[in-house]
PDB file of N, CA and C in Angstrom:
ATOM      1  N   MET A   1      77.315  33.688  77.275  1.00  0.00           N
ATOM      2  CA  MET A   1      77.888  34.942  77.423  1.00  0.00           C
ATOM      3  C   MET A   1      79.253  34.741  76.927  1.00  0.00           C
ATOM      4  N   SER A   2      79.609  35.741  76.029  1.00  0.00           N
ATOM      5  CA  SER A   2      81.242  36.009  75.958  1.00  0.00           C
ATOM      6  C   SER A   2      82.335  35.718  76.945  1.00  0.00           C
ATOM      7  N   ILE A   3      83.304  35.197  76.639  1.00  0.00           N
ATOM      8  CA  ILE A   3      84.180  35.545  78.099  1.00  0.00           C
ATOM      9  C   ILE A   3      84.271  37.311  78.238  1.00  0.00           C
ATOM     10  N   ASN A   4      84.422  37.912  77.378  1.00  0.00           N
ATOM     11  CA  ASN A   4      84.645  39.100  77.983  1.00  0.00           C
ATOM     12  C   ASN A   4      83.445  39.885  78.947  1.00  0.00           C
ATOM     13  N   SER A   5      82.116  39.326  78.657  1.00  0.00           N
ATOM     14  CA  SER A   5      81.173  39.806  79.337  1.00  0.00           C
ATOM     15  C   SER A   5      81.267  39.066  80.494  1.00  0.00           C
ATOM     16  N   THR A   6      81.629  37.812  80.804  1.00  0.00           N
ATOM     17  CA  THR A   6      81.483  36.918  81.796  1.00  0.00           C
ATOM     18  C   THR A   6      82.545  37.472  82.784  1.00  0.00           C
ATOM     19  N   ILE A   7      83.619  37.911  82.012  1.00  0.00           N
ATOM     20  CA  ILE A   7      84.936  38.998  82.965  1.00  0.00           C
ATOM     21  C   ILE A   7      84.195  40.051  83.712  1.00  0.00           C
ATOM     22  N   LYS A   8      83.780  40.913  82.887  1.00  0.00           N
ATOM     23  CA  LYS A   8      82.876  42.338  83.309  1.00  0.00           C
ATOM     24  C   LYS A   8      82.084  41.883  84.697  1.00  0.00           C
ATOM     25  N   ALA A   9      81.175  40.967  84.025  1.00  0.00           N
ATOM     26  CA  ALA A   9      80.007  40.768  84.864  1.00  0.00           C
ATOM     27  C   ALA A   9      80.548  40.276  86.551  1.00  0.00           C
ATOM     28  N   ALA A  10      81.810  39.611  86.543  1.00  0.00           N
ATOM     29  CA  ALA A  10      82.253  39.050  87.591  1.00  0.00           C
ATOM     30  C   ALA A  10      83.087  40.556  88.799  1.00  0.00           C
ATOM     31  N   VAL A  11      83.945  40.914  87.691  1.00  0.00           N
ATOM     32  CA  VAL A  11      84.674  42.302  88.126  1.00  0.00           C
ATOM     33  C   VAL A  11      84.054  43.561  88.399  1.00  0.00           C
ATOM     34  N   VAL A  12      82.975  43.902  87.717  1.00  0.00           N
ATOM     35  CA  VAL A  12      82.596  45.385  88.001  1.00  0.00           C
ATOM     36  C   VAL A  12      82.087  45.478  89.384  1.00  0.00           C
ATOM     37  N   PRO A  13      81.430  44.698  89.830  1.00  0.00           N
ATOM     38  CA  PRO A  13      80.606  44.928  91.264  1.00  0.00           C
ATOM     39  C   PRO A  13      81.923  44.970  92.250  1.00  0.00           C
ATOM     40  N   ILE A  14      82.938  44.679  91.726  1.00  0.00           N
ATOM     41  CA  ILE A  14      84.147  45.209  92.992  1.00  0.00           C
ATOM     42  C   ILE A  14      84.993  46.037  92.350  1.00  0.00           C
ATOM     43  N   VAL A  15      85.118  46.074  91.234  1.00  0.00           N
ATOM     44  CA  VAL A  15      86.334  47.138  90.778  1.00  0.00           C
ATOM     45  C   VAL A  15      85.272  47.669  89.422  1.00  0.00           C
ATOM     46  N   PRO A  16      84.445  49.026  89.495  1.00  0.00           N
ATOM     47  CA  PRO A  16      83.690  49.288  88.693  1.00  0.00           C
ATOM     48  C   PRO A  16      84.385  49.464  86.919  1.00  0.00           C
ATOM     49  N   ILE A  17      85.469  49.829  87.093  1.00  0.00           N
ATOM     50  CA  ILE A  17      86.030  50.106  85.760  1.00  0.00           C
ATOM     51  C   ILE A  17      87.103  48.604  85.467  1.00  0.00           C
ATOM     52  N   CYS A  18      86.147  48.098  84.623  1.00  0.00           N
ATOM     53  CA  CYS A  18      86.994  46.895  84.173  1.00  0.00           C
ATOM     54  C   CYS A  18      86.934  46.714  82.470  1.00  0.00           C
ATOM     55  N   VAL A  19      87.954  46.586  81.450  1.00  0.00           N
ATOM     56  CA  VAL A  19      88.162  47.007  80.344  1.00  0.00           C
ATOM     57  C   VAL A  19      89.318  46.068  79.432  1.00  0.00           C
ATOM     58  N   PRO A  20      89.061  45.779  78.454  1.00  0.00           N
ATOM     59  CA  PRO A  20      90.316  44.810  77.705  1.00  0.00           C
ATOM     60  C   PRO A  20      91.226  45.625  77.160  1.00  0.00           C
ATOM     61  N   HIS A  21      92.071  45.048  77.434  1.00  0.00           N
ATOM     62  CA  HIS A  21      93.546  45.433  76.527  1.00  0.00           C
ATOM     63  C   HIS A  21      94.205  46.733  77.669  1.00  0.00           C
ATOM     64  N   LEU A  22      93.512  47.782  77.606  1.00  0.00           N
ATOM     65  CA  LEU A  22      94.271  49.194  77.996  1.00  0.00           C
ATOM     66  C   LEU A  22      93.226  50.149  78.350  1.00  0.00           C
ATOM     67  N   TYR A  23      93.494  50.841  79.491  1.00  0.00           N
ATOM     68  CA  TYR A  23      92.792  51.396  80.410  1.00  0.00           C
ATOM     69  C   TYR A  23      93.466  52.984  79.821  1.00  0.00           C
ATOM     70  N   ALA A  24      92.558  53.953  79.467  1.00  0.00           N
ATOM     71  CA  ALA A  24      93.520  55.476  78.862  1.00  0.00           C
ATOM     72  C   ALA A  24      92.362  56.125  80.101  1.00  0.00           C
ATOM     73  N   GLY A  25      91.836  56.068  80.906  1.00  0.00           N
ATOM     74  CA  GLY A  25      91.107  56.924  81.857  1.00  0.00           C
ATOM     75  C   GLY A  25      92.169  57.481  82.819  1.00  0.00           C
ATOM     76  N   THR A  26      91.357  58.160  83.620  1.00  0.00           N
ATOM     77  CA  THR A  26      91.976  59.003  85.005  1.00  0.00           C
ATOM     78  C   THR A  26      91.853  58.428  86.278  1.00  0.00           C
ATOM     79  N   GLU A  27      90.989  57.590  85.972  1.00  0.00           N
ATOM     80  CA  GLU A  27      91.231  56.605  87.610  1.00  0.00           C
ATOM     81  C   GLU A  27      91.992  55.949  88.040  1.00  0.00           C
ATOM     82  N   LYS A  28      92.574  55.811  89.478  1.00  0.00           N
ATOM     83  CA  LYS A  28      93.572  55.434  89.650  1.00  0.00           C
ATOM     84  C   LYS A  28      93.462  53.933  90.625  1.00  0.00           C
ATOM     85  N   GLU A  29      92.114  53.428  90.102  1.00  0.00           N
ATOM     86  CA  GLU A  29      91.868  52.152  90.630  1.00  0.00           C
ATOM     87  C   GLU A  29      90.992  51.431  89.265  1.00  0.00           C
ATOM     88  N   TYR A  30      91.425  50.409  88.913  1.00  0.00           N
ATOM     89  CA  TYR A  30      90.893  49.819  87.746  1.00  0.00           C
ATOM     90  C   TYR A  30      91.523  48.450  87.210  1.00  0.00           C
ATOM     91  N   CYS A  31      90.581  47.715  86.511  1.00  0.00           N
ATOM     92  CA  CYS A  31      90.746  46.467  85.845  1.00  0.00           C
ATOM     93  C   CYS A  31      90.849  46.512  84.578  1.00  0.00           C
ATOM     94  N   THR A  32      92.337  45.872  83.910  1.00  0.00           N
ATOM     95  CA  THR A  32      92.104  45.410  82.377  1.00  0.00           C
ATOM     96  C   THR A  32      92.102  44.094  82.562  1.00  0.00           C
ATOM     97  N   PHE A  33      91.877  43.628  81.195  1.00  0.00           N
ATOM     98  CA  PHE A  33      92.151  42.258  81.259  1.00  0.00           C
ATOM     99  C   PHE A  33      92.552  41.627  79.394  1.00  0.00           C
ATOM    100  N   ASN A  34      93.301  40.990  79.625  1.00  0.00           N
ATOM    101  CA  ASN A  34      93.726  39.836  78.059  1.00  0.00           C
ATOM    102  C   ASN A  34      93.989  38.608  78.142  1.00  0.00           C
ATOM    103  N   TYR A  35      93.477  37.776  76.978  1.00  0.00           N
ATOM    104  CA  TYR A  35      93.354  36.520  77.571  1.00  0.00           C
ATOM    105  C   TYR A  35      94.264  35.920  76.042  1.00  0.00           C
ATOM    106  N   THR A  36      94.894  34.766  75.969  1.00  0.00           N
ATOM    107  CA  THR A  36      95.217  33.895  75.045  1.00  0.00           C
ATOM    108  C   THR A  36      94.123  32.689  74.703  1.00  0.00           C
ATOM    109  N   MET A  37      93.677  32.281  73.451  1.00  0.00           N
ATOM    110  CA  MET A  37      92.804  31.252  72.958  1.00  0.00           C
ATOM    111  C   MET A  37      93.430  30.240  72.561  1.00  0.00           C
ATOM    112  N   TYR A  38      93.478  29.076  72.891  1.00  0.00           N
ATOM    113  CA  TYR A  38      93.920  27.781  72.168  1.00  0.00           C
ATOM    114  C   TYR A  38      92.837  26.545  71.826  1.00  0.00           C
ATOM    115  N   PRO A  39      92.715  25.719  70.979  1.00  0.00           N
ATOM    116  CA  PRO A  39      92.143  24.904  70.951  1.00  0.00           C
ATOM    117  C   PRO A  39      92.115  23.933  71.411  1.00  0.00           C
ATOM    118  N   THR A  40      91.262  22.541  72.030  1.00  0.00           N
ATOM    119  CA  THR A  40      91.825  21.155  72.629  1.00  0.00           C
ATOM    120  C   THR A  40      90.182  20.729  72.866  1.00  0.00           C
ATOM    121  N   ASP A  41      90.635  19.089  73.419  1.00  0.00           N
ATOM    122  CA  ASP A  41      89.731  18.515  73.461  1.00  0.00           C
ATOM    123  C   ASP A  41      89.362  18.288  71.902  1.00  0.00           C
ATOM    124  N   PHE A  42      90.393  17.411  70.825  1.00  0.00           N
ATOM    125  CA  PHE A  42      90.078  17.406  69.582  1.00  0.00           C
ATOM    126  C   PHE A  42      89.127  16.022  69.268  1.00  0.00           C
ATOM    127  N   GLY A  43      88.279  16.304  68.366  1.00  0.00           N
ATOM    128  CA  GLY A  43      87.708  15.160  67.698  1.00  0.00           C
ATOM    129  C   GLY A  43      87.341  15.138  66.649  1.00  0.00           C
ATOM    130  N   ASP A  44      87.121  14.108  65.378  1.00  0.00           N
ATOM    131  CA  ASP A  44      86.872  14.284  64.435  1.00  0.00           C
ATOM    132  C   ASP A  44      87.575  15.697  63.599  1.00  0.00           C
ATOM    133  N   ASN A  45      88.857  16.089  63.708  1.00  0.00           N
ATOM    134  CA  ASN A  45      89.412  16.708  63.434  1.00  0.00           C
ATOM    135  C   ASN A  45      89.365  18.329  63.919  1.00  0.00           C
ATOM    136  N   ALA A  46      88.665  18.419  64.586  1.00  0.00           N
ATOM    137  CA  ALA A  46      87.939  19.918  65.282  1.00  0.00           C
ATOM    138  C   ALA A  46      88.115  19.800  66.814  1.00  0.00           C
ATOM    139  N   PRO A  47      88.495  20.975  67.193  1.00  0.00           N
ATOM    140  CA  PRO A  47      88.573  21.535  68.638  1.00  0.00           C
ATOM    141  C   PRO A  47      87.047  21.028  69.304  1.00  0.00           C
ATOM    142  N   GLY A  48      86.912  20.511  70.141  1.00  0.00           N
ATOM    143  CA  GLY A  48      85.815  20.276  71.315  1.00  0.00           C
ATOM    144  C   GLY A  48      85.470  21.321  71.983  1.00  0.00           C
ATOM    145  N   VAL A  49      86.527  21.990  72.539  1.00  0.00           N
ATOM    146  CA  VAL A  49      86.508  23.084  73.726  1.00  0.00           C
ATOM    147  C   VAL A  49      87.570  24.072  73.280  1.00  0.00           C
ATOM    148  N   ILE A  50      87.248  25.501  73.454  1.00  0.00           N
ATOM    149  CA  ILE A  50      88.334  26.506  73.189  1.00  0.00           C
ATOM    150  C   ILE A  50      88.659  26.428  74.556  1.00  0.00           C
ATOM    151  N   GLY A  51      90.131  26.836  74.761  1.00  0.00           N
ATOM    152  CA  GLY A  51      90.703  27.343  76.204  1.00  0.00           C
ATOM    153  C   GLY A  51      91.001  28.510  76.594  1.00  0.00           C
ATOM    154  N   TYR A  52      91.267  29.318  77.491  1.00  0.00           N
ATOM    155  CA  TYR A  52      91.291  30.328  77.532  1.00  0.00           C
ATOM    156  C   TYR A  52      92.243  30.792  78.691  1.00  0.00           C
ATOM    157  N   SER A  53      93.673  30.985  78.346  1.00  0.00           N
ATOM    158  CA  SER A  53      94.630  31.255  79.428  1.00  0.00           C
ATOM    159  C   SER A  53      94.100  33.215  79.728  1.00  0.00           C
ATOM    160  N   VAL A  54      93.671  33.636  80.805  1.00  0.00           N
ATOM    161  CA  VAL A  54      93.217  34.969  81.035  1.00  0.00           C
ATOM    162  C   VAL A  54      94.159  35.409  82.525  1.00  0.00           C
ATOM    163  N   GLN A  55      94.514  36.802  82.082  1.00  0.00           N
ATOM    164  CA  GLN A  55      95.255  37.623  82.873  1.00  0.00           C
ATOM    165  C   GLN A  55      94.297  38.986  83.254  1.00  0.00           C
ATOM    166  N   LEU A  56      93.764  38.901  84.715  1.00  0.00           N
ATOM    167  CA  LEU A  56      93.191  40.408  84.870  1.00  0.00           C
ATOM    168  C   LEU A  56      94.178  41.014  85.576  1.00  0.00           C
ATOM    169  N   HIS A  57      94.306  42.505  84.916  1.00  0.00           N
ATOM    170  CA  HIS A  57      95.293  43.095  85.770  1.00  0.00           C
ATOM    171  C   HIS A  57      94.672  44.156  86.820  1.00  0.00           C
ATOM    172  N   TYR A  58      95.071  44.269  87.837  1.00  0.00           N
ATOM    173  CA  TYR A  58      94.246  45.233  89.006  1.00  0.00           C
ATOM    174  C   TYR A  58      95.301  46.321  89.579  1.00  0.00           C
ATOM    175  N   CYS A  59      94.978  47.443  89.231  1.00  0.00           N
ATOM    176  CA  CYS A  59      95.556  48.572  89.438  1.00  0.00           C
ATOM    177  C   CYS A  59      94.799  49.180  90.335  1.00  0.00           C
ATOM    178  N   LEU A  60      96.213  49.834  91.407  1.00  0.00           N
ATOM    179  CA  LEU A  60      95.633  50.812  91.984  1.00  0.00           C
ATOM    180  C   LEU A  60      96.689  51.759  92.745  1.00  0.00           C
ATOM    181  N   PRO A  61      96.374  52.597  93.328  1.00  0.00           N
ATOM    182  CA  PRO A  61      97.317  53.370  94.088  1.00  0.00           C
ATOM    183  C   PRO A  61      98.582  52.589  94.868  1.00  0.00           C
ATOM    184  N   LEU A  62      99.762  53.259  95.385  1.00  0.00           N
ATOM    185  CA  LEU A  62     100.769  52.694  96.132  1.00  0.00           C
ATOM    186  C   LEU A  62     100.290  52.682  97.497  1.00  0.00           C
ATOM    187  N   ASN A  63      99.525  53.735  98.126  1.00  0.00           N
ATOM    188  CA  ASN A  63      99.283  53.423  99.397  1.00  0.00           C
ATOM    189  C   ASN A  63      97.979  52.690  99.834  1.00  0.00           C
ATOM    190  N   ASP A  64      97.389  52.288  98.886  1.00  0.00           N
ATOM    191  CA  ASP A  64      96.043  51.391  99.050  1.00  0.00           C
ATOM    192  C   ASP A  64      96.247  50.041  99.529  1.00  0.00           C
ATOM    193  N   SER A  65      95.331  49.367 100.323  1.00  0.00           N
ATOM    194  CA  SER A  65      95.635  48.143 100.531  1.00  0.00           C
ATOM    195  C   SER A  65      94.949  47.346  99.563  1.00  0.00           C
ATOM    196  N   PRO A  66      95.665  46.353  98.782  1.00  0.00           N
ATOM    197  CA  PRO A  66      94.682  45.539  97.896  1.00  0.00           C
ATOM    198  C   PRO A  66      94.407  44.131  98.296  1.00  0.00           C
ATOM    199  N   LEU A  67      94.532  43.965  99.285  1.00  0.00           N
ATOM    200  CA  LEU A  67      94.085  42.393  99.786  1.00  0.00           C
ATOM    201  C   LEU A  67      92.940  41.998 100.183  1.00  0.00           C
ATOM    202  N   ALA A  68      91.966  42.853 100.449  1.00  0.00           N
ATOM    203  CA  ALA A  68      90.518  42.253 100.627  1.00  0.00           C
ATOM    204  C   ALA A  68      89.959  42.493  98.817  1.00  0.00           C
ATOM    205  N   LYS A  69      90.665  43.478  98.199  1.00  0.00           N
ATOM    206  CA  LYS A  69      89.673  43.506  96.656  1.00  0.00           C
ATOM    207  C   LYS A  69      90.431  42.161  96.092  1.00  0.00           C
ATOM    208  N   LEU A  70      91.877  41.678  96.070  1.00  0.00           N
ATOM    209  CA  LEU A  70      92.321  40.870  95.475  1.00  0.00           C
ATOM    210  C   LEU A  70      91.423  39.738  95.913  1.00  0.00           C
ATOM    211  N   LYS A  71      90.999  39.252  96.870  1.00  0.00           N
ATOM    212  CA  LYS A  71      90.294  37.959  97.686  1.00  0.00           C
ATOM    213  C   LYS A  71      89.011  38.071  96.865  1.00  0.00           C
ATOM    214  N   LEU A  72      88.313  39.213  96.894  1.00  0.00           N
ATOM    215  CA  LEU A  72      87.159  39.306  96.266  1.00  0.00           C
ATOM    216  C   LEU A  72      87.268  39.318  94.430  1.00  0.00           C
ATOM    217  N   LEU A  73      87.627  39.718  94.072  1.00  0.00           N
ATOM    218  CA  LEU A  73      88.509  39.188  92.578  1.00  0.00           C
ATOM    219  C   LEU A  73      88.635  38.031  92.146  1.00  0.00           C
ATOM    220  N   SER A  74      89.295  36.889  93.325  1.00  0.00           N
ATOM    221  CA  SER A  74      90.021  35.868  93.113  1.00  0.00           C
ATOM    222  C   SER A  74      88.270  35.073  93.305  1.00  0.00           C
ATOM    223  N   ASP A  75      87.325  35.172  94.746  1.00  0.00           N
ATOM    224  CA  ASP A  75      86.294  34.149  94.897  1.00  0.00           C
ATOM    225  C   ASP A  75      85.207  34.516  93.569  1.00  0.00           C
ATOM    226  N   ALA A  76      85.452  36.027  92.964  1.00  0.00           N
ATOM    227  CA  ALA A  76      84.322  36.443  91.879  1.00  0.00           C
ATOM    228  C   ALA A  76      84.772  35.480  90.445  1.00  0.00           C
ATOM    229  N   LEU A  77      86.142  35.450  90.251  1.00  0.00           N
ATOM    230  CA  LEU A  77      86.378  34.638  89.099  1.00  0.00           C
ATOM    231  C   LEU A  77      85.812  33.236  89.195  1.00  0.00           C
ATOM    232  N   PHE A  78      86.620  32.947  90.235  1.00  0.00           N
ATOM    233  CA  PHE A  78      86.211  31.307  90.754  1.00  0.00           C
ATOM    234  C   PHE A  78      84.522  31.340  90.436  1.00  0.00           C
ATOM    235  N   SER A  79      83.660  31.920  90.995  1.00  0.00           N
ATOM    236  CA  SER A  79      82.490  31.693  91.039  1.00  0.00           C
ATOM    237  C   SER A  79      81.825  31.692  89.917  1.00  0.00           C
ATOM    238  N   ALA A  80      82.521  32.393  88.664  1.00  0.00           N
ATOM    239  CA  ALA A  80      81.852  32.805  87.397  1.00  0.00           C
ATOM    240  C   ALA A  80      82.488  31.547  86.698  1.00  0.00           C
ATOM    241  N   GLY A  81      83.049  30.724  86.688  1.00  0.00           N
ATOM    242  CA  GLY A  81      83.493  29.630  86.249  1.00  0.00           C
ATOM    243  C   GLY A  81      84.975  29.354  85.734  1.00  0.00           C
ATOM    244  N   PHE A  82      85.794  30.565  86.023  1.00  0.00           N
ATOM    245  CA  PHE A  82      87.001  30.276  85.839  1.00  0.00           C
ATOM    246  C   PHE A  82      87.866  29.367  86.830  1.00  0.00           C
ATOM    247  N   ASP A  83      89.220  29.085  86.658  1.00  0.00           N
ATOM    248  CA  ASP A  83      89.834  28.652  87.602  1.00  0.00           C
ATOM    249  C   ASP A  83      90.486  29.228  88.503  1.00  0.00           C
ATOM    250  N   TYR A  84      90.275  28.982  89.928  1.00  0.00           N
ATOM    251  CA  TYR A  84      90.994  29.737  90.911  1.00  0.00           C
ATOM    252  C   TYR A  84      92.221  30.321  90.698  1.00  0.00           C
ATOM    253  N   PRO A  85      92.475  32.069  90.691  1.00  0.00           N
ATOM    254  CA  PRO A  85      93.526  32.243  89.844  1.00  0.00           C
ATOM    255  C   PRO A  85      94.777  32.206  90.825  1.00  0.00           C
ATOM    256  N   GLN A  86      95.981  32.661  90.090  1.00  0.00           N
ATOM    257  CA  GLN A  86      97.481  32.691  90.262  1.00  0.00           C
ATOM    258  C   GLN A  86      97.425  34.277  90.696  1.00  0.00           C
ATOM    259  N   ILE A  87      98.190  34.683  91.551  1.00  0.00           N
ATOM    260  CA  ILE A  87      98.345  36.179  91.742  1.00  0.00           C
ATOM    261  C   ILE A  87      99.957  36.385  91.482  1.00  0.00           C
ATOM    262  N   VAL A  88     100.034  37.296  90.612  1.00  0.00           N
ATOM    263  CA  VAL A  88     101.389  37.794  90.271  1.00  0.00           C
ATOM    264  C   VAL A  88     101.615  39.230  91.026  1.00  0.00           C
ATOM    265  N   ASP A  89     102.262  40.011  91.791  1.00  0.00           N
ATOM    266  CA  ASP A  89     102.693  41.247  91.830  1.00  0.00           C
ATOM    267  C   ASP A  89     103.918  41.703  91.105  1.00  0.00           C
ATOM    268  N   VAL A  90     103.384  42.749  90.219  1.00  0.00           N
ATOM    269  CA  VAL A  90     104.162  43.558  89.267  1.00  0.00           C
ATOM    270  C   VAL A  90     104.108  44.882  89.478  1.00  0.00           C
ATOM    271  N   THR A  91     104.105  45.138  91.086  1.00  0.00           N
ATOM    272  CA  THR A  91     104.053  46.484  91.191  1.00  0.00           C
ATOM    273  C   THR A  91     105.288  47.569  90.985  1.00  0.00           C
ATOM    274  N   ASP A  92     105.215  48.494  90.617  1.00  0.00           N
ATOM    275  CA  ASP A  92     106.349  49.569  90.187  1.00  0.00           C
ATOM    276  C   ASP A  92     106.202  50.814  90.985  1.00  0.00           C
ATOM    277  N   LYS A  93     107.082  51.722  90.796  1.00  0.00           N
ATOM    278  CA  LYS A  93     107.199  53.062  91.505  1.00  0.00           C
ATOM    279  C   LYS A  93     105.913  54.064  90.915  1.00  0.00           C
ATOM    280  N   LYS A  94     105.086  53.622  89.905  1.00  0.00           N
ATOM    281  CA  LYS A  94     104.053  54.421  89.313  1.00  0.00           C
ATOM    282  C   LYS A  94     102.617  53.797  90.010  1.00  0.00           C
ATOM    283  N   GLY A  95     102.506  52.618  90.660  1.00  0.00           N
ATOM    284  CA  GLY A  95     101.160  52.232  91.345  1.00  0.00           C
ATOM    285  C   GLY A  95     101.135  50.785  91.380  1.00  0.00           C
ATOM    286  N   GLN A  96     100.380  50.153  92.371  1.00  0.00           N
ATOM    287  CA  GLN A  96     100.622  48.562  92.656  1.00  0.00           C
ATOM    288  C   GLN A  96      99.794  48.342  91.204  1.00  0.00           C
ATOM    289  N   HIS A  97     100.286  46.735  90.733  1.00  0.00           N
ATOM    290  CA  HIS A  97      99.767  46.489  89.977  1.00  0.00           C
ATOM    291  C   HIS A  97      99.999  44.894  90.180  1.00  0.00           C
ATOM    292  N   TYR A  98      98.732  44.055  90.135  1.00  0.00           N
ATOM    293  CA  TYR A  98      98.448  42.458  90.468  1.00  0.00           C
ATOM    294  C   TYR A  98      97.830  42.142  89.092  1.00  0.00           C
ATOM    295  N   VAL A  99      98.531  40.800  89.047  1.00  0.00           N
ATOM    296  CA  VAL A  99      98.004  40.191  87.955  1.00  0.00           C
ATOM    297  C   VAL A  99      97.423  38.727  88.422  1.00  0.00           C
ATOM    298  N   LEU A 100      95.871  38.486  88.302  1.00  0.00           N
ATOM    299  CA  LEU A 100      95.289  37.437  88.335  1.00  0.00           C
ATOM    300  C   LEU A 100      95.347  36.616  87.040  1.00  0.00           C
ATOM    301  N   GLU A 101      96.157  35.357  87.051  1.00  0.00           N
ATOM    302  CA  GLU A 101      96.182  34.509  86.233  1.00  0.00           C
ATOM    303  C   GLU A 101      95.096  33.146  86.690  1.00  0.00           C
ATOM    304  N   SER A 102      94.638  33.028  85.427  1.00  0.00           N
ATOM    305  CA  SER A 102      93.279  32.047  85.174  1.00  0.00           C
ATOM    306  C   SER A 102      93.281  31.194  84.127  1.00  0.00           C
ATOM    307  N   GLY A 103      92.298  30.181  84.023  1.00  0.00           N
ATOM    308  CA  GLY A 103      91.851  29.588  83.104  1.00  0.00           C
ATOM    309  C   GLY A 103      90.464  29.582  82.740  1.00  0.00           C
ATOM    310  N   TRP A 104      89.760  29.403  81.815  1.00  0.00           N
ATOM    311  CA  TRP A 104      88.436  29.151  81.393  1.00  0.00           C
ATOM    312  C   TRP A 104      88.379  28.623  80.116  1.00  0.00           C
ATOM    313  N   HIS A 105      87.313  27.688  79.943  1.00  0.00           N
ATOM    314  CA  HIS A 105      86.981  26.690  79.003  1.00  0.00           C
ATOM    315  C   HIS A 105      85.686  27.006  78.522  1.00  0.00           C
ATOM    316  N   GLU A 106      85.300  27.059  77.105  1.00  0.00           N
ATOM    317  CA  GLU A 106      84.220  27.155  76.355  1.00  0.00           C
ATOM    318  C   GLU A 106      84.018  25.731  75.585  1.00  0.00           C
ATOM    319  N   VAL A 107      82.556  25.191  75.929  1.00  0.00           N
ATOM    320  CA  VAL A 107      82.711  24.037  75.002  1.00  0.00           C
ATOM    321  C   VAL A 107      81.996  24.432  73.662  1.00  0.00           C
ATOM    322  N   MET A 108      82.779  23.983  72.639  1.00  0.00           N
ATOM    323  CA  MET A 108      81.990  23.850  71.171  1.00  0.00           C
ATOM    324  C   MET A 108      80.570  23.558  70.988  1.00  0.00           C
ATOM    325  N   VAL A 109      79.834  24.231  70.284  1.00  0.00           N
ATOM    326  CA  VAL A 109      78.267  23.442  70.164  1.00  0.00           C
ATOM    327  C   VAL A 109      78.644  22.499  68.829  1.00  0.00           C
TER     328      VAL A 109
END
């Protein structure tokens, strides 16, 4: 399963809208995600593992409580094989925005 599919499978039961990069819809609660790939675990001049630095963005209205879903999202990512995420609050006047930062590793075949 690809990293995109893995993220979506973990998130969609909790937050039904989960898309890569940018959400251009009208729903007030949604997730987006992005990641950086990096090679690691080299042998014979080739990477044995591809690492991913993942950011899952959880957005919701200012008046809603995020705590329960942040816990569910963190647990779901961890259960799907990601490192347990660190959460950064980047909320502004337009809405709440939490970034769950995590890692994931894909062993090369």
